[in-house]
């Protein structure tokens, strides 16, 4: 396994963790009833999705020496 693949897998796992944090933050009754998410929840969602996509692409198509 190369360093790019390991880094990509780490980013992917970090993205999964961020998405689970966003899911838990969205389960607050105020956000659950109004469907208006706070800035922190949206930050978790967008950075989680970005990390999952970036980590997946980096581990699959990373630069090889």
PDB file of N, CA and C in Angstrom:
ATOM      1  N   UNK A   1       0.829  -1.174   0.000  1.00  0.00           N
ATOM      2  CA  UNK A   1       0.000   0.000   0.000  1.00  0.00           C
ATOM      3  C   UNK A   1       0.876   1.240   0.000  1.00  0.00           C
ATOM      4  N   UNK A   2       0.530   2.171  -0.856  1.00  0.00           N
ATOM      5  CA  UNK A   2       1.307   3.397  -0.948  1.00  0.00           C
ATOM      6  C   UNK A   2       0.756   4.464  -0.016  1.00  0.00           C
ATOM      7  N   UNK A   3       1.535   5.512   0.170  1.00  0.00           N
ATOM      8  CA  UNK A   3       1.159   6.587   1.073  1.00  0.00           C
ATOM      9  C   UNK A   3      -0.104   7.299   0.609  1.00  0.00           C
ATOM     10  N   UNK A   4      -0.273   7.458  -0.700  1.00  0.00           N
ATOM     11  CA  UNK A   4      -1.483   8.099  -1.223  1.00  0.00           C
ATOM     12  C   UNK A   4      -2.729   7.302  -0.886  1.00  0.00           C
ATOM     13  N   UNK A   5      -2.641   5.995  -0.967  1.00  0.00           N
ATOM     14  CA  UNK A   5      -3.790   5.163  -0.636  1.00  0.00           C
ATOM     15  C   UNK A   5      -4.113   5.228   0.850  1.00  0.00           C
ATOM     16  N   UNK A   6      -3.088   5.228   1.686  1.00  0.00           N
ATOM     17  CA  UNK A   6      -3.305   5.306   3.125  1.00  0.00           C
ATOM     18  C   UNK A   6      -3.914   6.655   3.492  1.00  0.00           C
ATOM     19  N   UNK A   7      -3.412   7.728   2.885  1.00  0.00           N
ATOM     20  CA  UNK A   7      -3.961   9.054   3.130  1.00  0.00           C
ATOM     21  C   UNK A   7      -5.414   9.127   2.665  1.00  0.00           C
ATOM     22  N   UNK A   8      -5.707   8.552   1.524  1.00  0.00           N
ATOM     23  CA  UNK A   8      -7.076   8.544   1.013  1.00  0.00           C
ATOM     24  C   UNK A   8      -8.024   7.782   1.916  1.00  0.00           C
ATOM     25  N   UNK A   9      -7.577   6.658   2.431  1.00  0.00           N
ATOM     26  CA  UNK A   9      -8.417   5.878   3.338  1.00  0.00           C
ATOM     27  C   UNK A   9      -8.651   6.651   4.637  1.00  0.00           C
ATOM     28  N   UNK A  10      -7.614   7.325   5.123  1.00  0.00           N
ATOM     29  CA  UNK A  10      -7.768   8.142   6.321  1.00  0.00           C
ATOM     30  C   UNK A  10      -8.756   9.279   6.120  1.00  0.00           C
ATOM     31  N   UNK A  11      -8.685   9.939   4.960  1.00  0.00           N
ATOM     32  CA  UNK A  11      -9.643  11.001   4.639  1.00  0.00           C
ATOM     33  C   UNK A  11     -11.066  10.453   4.539  1.00  0.00           C
ATOM     34  N   UNK A  12     -11.196   9.288   3.951  1.00  0.00           N
ATOM     35  CA  UNK A  12     -12.502   8.653   3.806  1.00  0.00           C
ATOM     36  C   UNK A  12     -13.112   8.358   5.170  1.00  0.00           C
ATOM     37  N   UNK A  13     -12.305   7.809   6.073  1.00  0.00           N
ATOM     38  CA  UNK A  13     -12.795   7.483   7.415  1.00  0.00           C
ATOM     39  C   UNK A  13     -13.143   8.764   8.179  1.00  0.00           C
ATOM     40  N   UNK A  14     -12.320   9.800   8.028  1.00  0.00           N
ATOM     41  CA  UNK A  14     -12.618  11.070   8.681  1.00  0.00           C
ATOM     42  C   UNK A  14     -13.927  11.659   8.154  1.00  0.00           C
ATOM     43  N   UNK A  15     -14.192  11.488   6.865  1.00  0.00           N
ATOM     44  CA  UNK A  15     -15.450  11.953   6.291  1.00  0.00           C
ATOM     45  C   UNK A  15     -16.647  11.206   6.849  1.00  0.00           C
ATOM     46  N   UNK A  16     -16.500   9.905   7.051  1.00  0.00           N
ATOM     47  CA  UNK A  16     -17.575   9.107   7.644  1.00  0.00           C
ATOM     48  C   UNK A  16     -17.852   9.586   9.066  1.00  0.00           C
ATOM     49  N   UNK A  17     -16.788   9.877   9.814  1.00  0.00           N
ATOM     50  CA  UNK A  17     -16.957  10.376  11.182  1.00  0.00           C
ATOM     51  C   UNK A  17     -17.673  11.727  11.176  1.00  0.00           C
ATOM     52  N   UNK A  18     -17.290  12.617  10.261  1.00  0.00           N
ATOM     53  CA  UNK A  18     -17.944  13.919  10.176  1.00  0.00           C
ATOM     54  C   UNK A  18     -19.418  13.788   9.785  1.00  0.00           C
ATOM     55  N   UNK A  19     -19.720  12.866   8.892  1.00  0.00           N
ATOM     56  CA  UNK A  19     -21.118  12.663   8.515  1.00  0.00           C
ATOM     57  C   UNK A  19     -21.932  12.103   9.673  1.00  0.00           C
ATOM     58  N   UNK A  20     -21.331  11.246  10.480  1.00  0.00           N
ATOM     59  CA  UNK A  20     -22.064  10.732  11.642  1.00  0.00           C
ATOM     60  C   UNK A  20     -22.275  11.834  12.679  1.00  0.00           C
ATOM     61  N   UNK A  21     -21.296  12.739  12.841  1.00  0.00           N
ATOM     62  CA  UNK A  21     -21.481  13.881  13.733  1.00  0.00           C
ATOM     63  C   UNK A  21     -22.592  14.796  13.225  1.00  0.00           C
ATOM     64  N   UNK A  22     -22.653  14.991  11.926  1.00  0.00           N
ATOM     65  CA  UNK A  22     -23.700  15.833  11.346  1.00  0.00           C
ATOM     66  C   UNK A  22     -25.072  15.197  11.542  1.00  0.00           C
ATOM     67  N   UNK A  23     -25.137  13.891  11.398  1.00  0.00           N
ATOM     68  CA  UNK A  23     -26.409  13.194  11.595  1.00  0.00           C
ATOM     69  C   UNK A  23     -26.874  13.326  13.042  1.00  0.00           C
ATOM     70  N   UNK A  24     -25.940  13.202  13.978  1.00  0.00           N
ATOM     71  CA  UNK A  24     -26.298  13.366  15.388  1.00  0.00           C
ATOM     72  C   UNK A  24     -26.692  14.803  15.703  1.00  0.00           C
ATOM     73  N   UNK A  25     -26.017  15.767  15.096  1.00  0.00           N
ATOM     74  CA  UNK A  25     -26.345  17.177  15.340  1.00  0.00           C
ATOM     75  C   UNK A  25     -27.700  17.532  14.740  1.00  0.00           C
ATOM     76  N   UNK A  26     -28.091  16.870  13.677  1.00  0.00           N
ATOM     77  CA  UNK A  26     -29.377  17.150  13.047  1.00  0.00           C
ATOM     78  C   UNK A  26     -30.527  16.500  13.798  1.00  0.00           C
ATOM     79  N   UNK A  27     -30.243  15.640  14.764  1.00  0.00           N
ATOM     80  CA  UNK A  27     -31.287  14.954  15.515  1.00  0.00           C
ATOM     81  C   UNK A  27     -31.793  15.779  16.696  1.00  0.00           C
ATOM     82  N   UNK A  28     -31.294  17.001  16.841  1.00  0.00           N
ATOM     83  CA  UNK A  28     -31.779  17.894  17.899  1.00  0.00           C
ATOM     84  C   UNK A  28     -33.231  18.241  17.587  1.00  0.00           C
ATOM     85  N   UNK A  29     -34.113  18.230  18.579  1.00  0.00           N
ATOM     86  CA  UNK A  29     -35.540  18.440  18.292  1.00  0.00           C
ATOM     87  C   UNK A  29     -35.850  19.730  17.528  1.00  0.00           C
ATOM     88  N   UNK A  30     -35.133  20.821  17.807  1.00  0.00           N
ATOM     89  CA  UNK A  30     -35.411  22.069  17.096  1.00  0.00           C
ATOM     90  C   UNK A  30     -35.114  21.930  15.607  1.00  0.00           C
ATOM     91  N   UNK A  31     -33.987  21.315  15.261  1.00  0.00           N
ATOM     92  CA  UNK A  31     -33.643  21.143  13.848  1.00  0.00           C
ATOM     93  C   UNK A  31     -34.477  20.045  13.205  1.00  0.00           C
ATOM     94  N   UNK A  32     -34.877  19.071  13.994  1.00  0.00           N
ATOM     95  CA  UNK A  32     -35.649  17.958  13.457  1.00  0.00           C
ATOM     96  C   UNK A  32     -37.055  18.405  13.062  1.00  0.00           C
ATOM     97  N   UNK A  33     -37.640  19.321  13.825  1.00  0.00           N
ATOM     98  CA  UNK A  33     -39.007  19.763  13.547  1.00  0.00           C
ATOM     99  C   UNK A  33     -39.085  20.869  12.507  1.00  0.00           C
ATOM    100  N   UNK A  34     -38.077  21.719  12.444  1.00  0.00           N
ATOM    101  CA  UNK A  34     -38.143  22.853  11.518  1.00  0.00           C
ATOM    102  C   UNK A  34     -37.415  22.602  10.205  1.00  0.00           C
ATOM    103  N   UNK A  35     -36.534  21.626  10.167  1.00  0.00           N
ATOM    104  CA  UNK A  35     -35.709  21.312   8.991  1.00  0.00           C
ATOM    105  C   UNK A  35     -34.792  22.467   8.601  1.00  0.00           C
ATOM    106  N   UNK A  36     -34.492  23.349   9.524  1.00  0.00           N
ATOM    107  CA  UNK A  36     -33.511  24.409   9.316  1.00  0.00           C
ATOM    108  C   UNK A  36     -32.290  24.048  10.132  1.00  0.00           C
ATOM    109  N   UNK A  37     -31.232  23.691   9.451  1.00  0.00           N
ATOM    110  CA  UNK A  37     -30.036  23.218  10.139  1.00  0.00           C
ATOM    111  C   UNK A  37     -29.127  24.393  10.490  1.00  0.00           C
ATOM    112  N   UNK A  38     -28.412  24.250  11.590  1.00  0.00           N
ATOM    113  CA  UNK A  38     -27.488  25.299  12.016  1.00  0.00           C
ATOM    114  C   UNK A  38     -26.262  25.304  11.105  1.00  0.00           C
ATOM    115  N   UNK A  39     -25.483  26.357  11.234  1.00  0.00           N
ATOM    116  CA  UNK A  39     -24.266  26.470  10.428  1.00  0.00           C
ATOM    117  C   UNK A  39     -23.285  25.352  10.756  1.00  0.00           C
ATOM    118  N   UNK A  40     -23.211  24.963  12.024  1.00  0.00           N
ATOM    119  CA  UNK A  40     -22.298  23.889  12.427  1.00  0.00           C
ATOM    120  C   UNK A  40     -22.700  22.559  11.782  1.00  0.00           C
ATOM    121  N   UNK A  41     -23.989  22.279  11.758  1.00  0.00           N
ATOM    122  CA  UNK A  41     -24.464  21.036  11.145  1.00  0.00           C
ATOM    123  C   UNK A  41     -24.159  21.021   9.653  1.00  0.00           C
ATOM    124  N   UNK A  42     -24.395  22.142   8.987  1.00  0.00           N
ATOM    125  CA  UNK A  42     -24.120  22.210   7.557  1.00  0.00           C
ATOM    126  C   UNK A  42     -22.625  22.110   7.272  1.00  0.00           C
ATOM    127  N   UNK A  43     -21.806  22.661   8.156  1.00  0.00           N
ATOM    128  CA  UNK A  43     -20.361  22.540   8.003  1.00  0.00           C
ATOM    129  C   UNK A  43     -19.932  21.080   8.119  1.00  0.00           C
ATOM    130  N   UNK A  44     -20.500  20.362   9.076  1.00  0.00           N
ATOM    131  CA  UNK A  44     -20.199  18.933   9.213  1.00  0.00           C
ATOM    132  C   UNK A  44     -20.614  18.164   7.961  1.00  0.00           C
ATOM    133  N   UNK A  45     -21.808  18.460   7.456  1.00  0.00           N
ATOM    134  CA  UNK A  45     -22.280  17.757   6.256  1.00  0.00           C
ATOM    135  C   UNK A  45     -21.388  18.027   5.049  1.00  0.00           C
ATOM    136  N   UNK A  46     -21.098  19.289   4.775  1.00  0.00           N
ATOM    137  CA  UNK A  46     -20.323  19.607   3.573  1.00  0.00           C
ATOM    138  C   UNK A  46     -18.880  19.124   3.673  1.00  0.00           C
ATOM    139  N   UNK A  47     -18.264  19.280   4.836  1.00  0.00           N
ATOM    140  CA  UNK A  47     -16.885  18.796   4.961  1.00  0.00           C
ATOM    141  C   UNK A  47     -16.841  17.278   4.980  1.00  0.00           C
ATOM    142  N   UNK A  48     -17.862  16.633   5.525  1.00  0.00           N
ATOM    143  CA  UNK A  48     -17.918  15.170   5.513  1.00  0.00           C
ATOM    144  C   UNK A  48     -18.061  14.612   4.110  1.00  0.00           C
ATOM    145  N   UNK A  49     -18.942  15.208   3.329  1.00  0.00           N
ATOM    146  CA  UNK A  49     -19.114  14.758   1.945  1.00  0.00           C
ATOM    147  C   UNK A  49     -17.844  15.014   1.136  1.00  0.00           C
ATOM    148  N   UNK A  50     -17.242  16.177   1.346  1.00  0.00           N
ATOM    149  CA  UNK A  50     -15.997  16.484   0.635  1.00  0.00           C
ATOM    150  C   UNK A  50     -14.873  15.526   1.003  1.00  0.00           C
ATOM    151  N   UNK A  51     -14.772  15.182   2.273  1.00  0.00           N
ATOM    152  CA  UNK A  51     -13.721  14.259   2.707  1.00  0.00           C
ATOM    153  C   UNK A  51     -13.965  12.849   2.183  1.00  0.00           C
ATOM    154  N   UNK A  52     -15.212  12.421   2.153  1.00  0.00           N
ATOM    155  CA  UNK A  52     -15.519  11.082   1.623  1.00  0.00           C
ATOM    156  C   UNK A  52     -15.191  11.012   0.137  1.00  0.00           C
ATOM    157  N   UNK A  53     -15.609  12.010  -0.617  1.00  0.00           N
ATOM    158  CA  UNK A  53     -15.338  12.015  -2.059  1.00  0.00           C
ATOM    159  C   UNK A  53     -13.838  12.152  -2.326  1.00  0.00           C
ATOM    160  N   UNK A  54     -13.199  13.117  -1.645  1.00  0.00           N
ATOM    161  CA  UNK A  54     -11.762  13.318  -1.853  1.00  0.00           C
ATOM    162  C   UNK A  54     -10.935  12.119  -1.423  1.00  0.00           C
ATOM    163  N   UNK A  55     -11.267  11.534  -0.295  1.00  0.00           N
ATOM    164  CA  UNK A  55     -10.537  10.363   0.173  1.00  0.00           C
ATOM    165  C   UNK A  55     -10.725   9.158  -0.727  1.00  0.00           C
ATOM    166  N   UNK A  56     -11.941   8.979  -1.211  1.00  0.00           N
ATOM    167  CA  UNK A  56     -12.189   7.869  -2.131  1.00  0.00           C
ATOM    168  C   UNK A  56     -11.443   8.027  -3.442  1.00  0.00           C
ATOM    169  N   UNK A  57     -11.476   9.226  -3.985  1.00  0.00           N
ATOM    170  CA  UNK A  57     -10.759   9.465  -5.240  1.00  0.00           C
ATOM    171  C   UNK A  57      -9.254   9.363  -5.059  1.00  0.00           C
ATOM    172  N   UNK A  58      -8.746   9.869  -3.921  1.00  0.00           N
ATOM    173  CA  UNK A  58      -7.304   9.819  -3.681  1.00  0.00           C
ATOM    174  C   UNK A  58      -6.830   8.379  -3.498  1.00  0.00           C
ATOM    175  N   UNK A  59      -7.616   7.570  -2.817  1.00  0.00           N
ATOM    176  CA  UNK A  59      -7.175   6.189  -2.607  1.00  0.00           C
ATOM    177  C   UNK A  59      -7.284   5.360  -3.886  1.00  0.00           C
ATOM    178  N   UNK A  60      -8.238   5.704  -4.744  1.00  0.00           N
ATOM    179  CA  UNK A  60      -8.378   4.943  -5.981  1.00  0.00           C
ATOM    180  C   UNK A  60      -7.462   5.418  -7.099  1.00  0.00           C
ATOM    181  N   UNK A  61      -7.371   6.759  -7.255  1.00  0.00           N
ATOM    182  CA  UNK A  61      -6.651   7.318  -8.401  1.00  0.00           C
ATOM    183  C   UNK A  61      -5.464   8.183  -8.008  1.00  0.00           C
ATOM    184  N   UNK A  62      -4.900   7.985  -6.816  1.00  0.00           N
ATOM    185  CA  UNK A  62      -3.776   8.808  -6.369  1.00  0.00           C
ATOM    186  C   UNK A  62      -2.563   8.668  -7.277  1.00  0.00           C
ATOM    187  N   UNK A  63      -1.714   9.676  -7.238  1.00  0.00           N
ATOM    188  CA  UNK A  63      -0.496   9.650  -8.054  1.00  0.00           C
ATOM    189  C   UNK A  63       0.391   8.484  -7.641  1.00  0.00           C
ATOM    190  N   UNK A  64       0.896   7.792  -8.606  1.00  0.00           N
ATOM    191  CA  UNK A  64       1.782   6.662  -8.330  1.00  0.00           C
ATOM    192  C   UNK A  64       3.186   6.997  -8.814  1.00  0.00           C
ATOM    193  N   UNK A  65       4.163   6.553  -8.087  1.00  0.00           N
ATOM    194  CA  UNK A  65       5.556   6.841  -8.447  1.00  0.00           C
ATOM    195  C   UNK A  65       6.072   5.814  -9.415  1.00  0.00           C
TER     196      UNK A  65
END
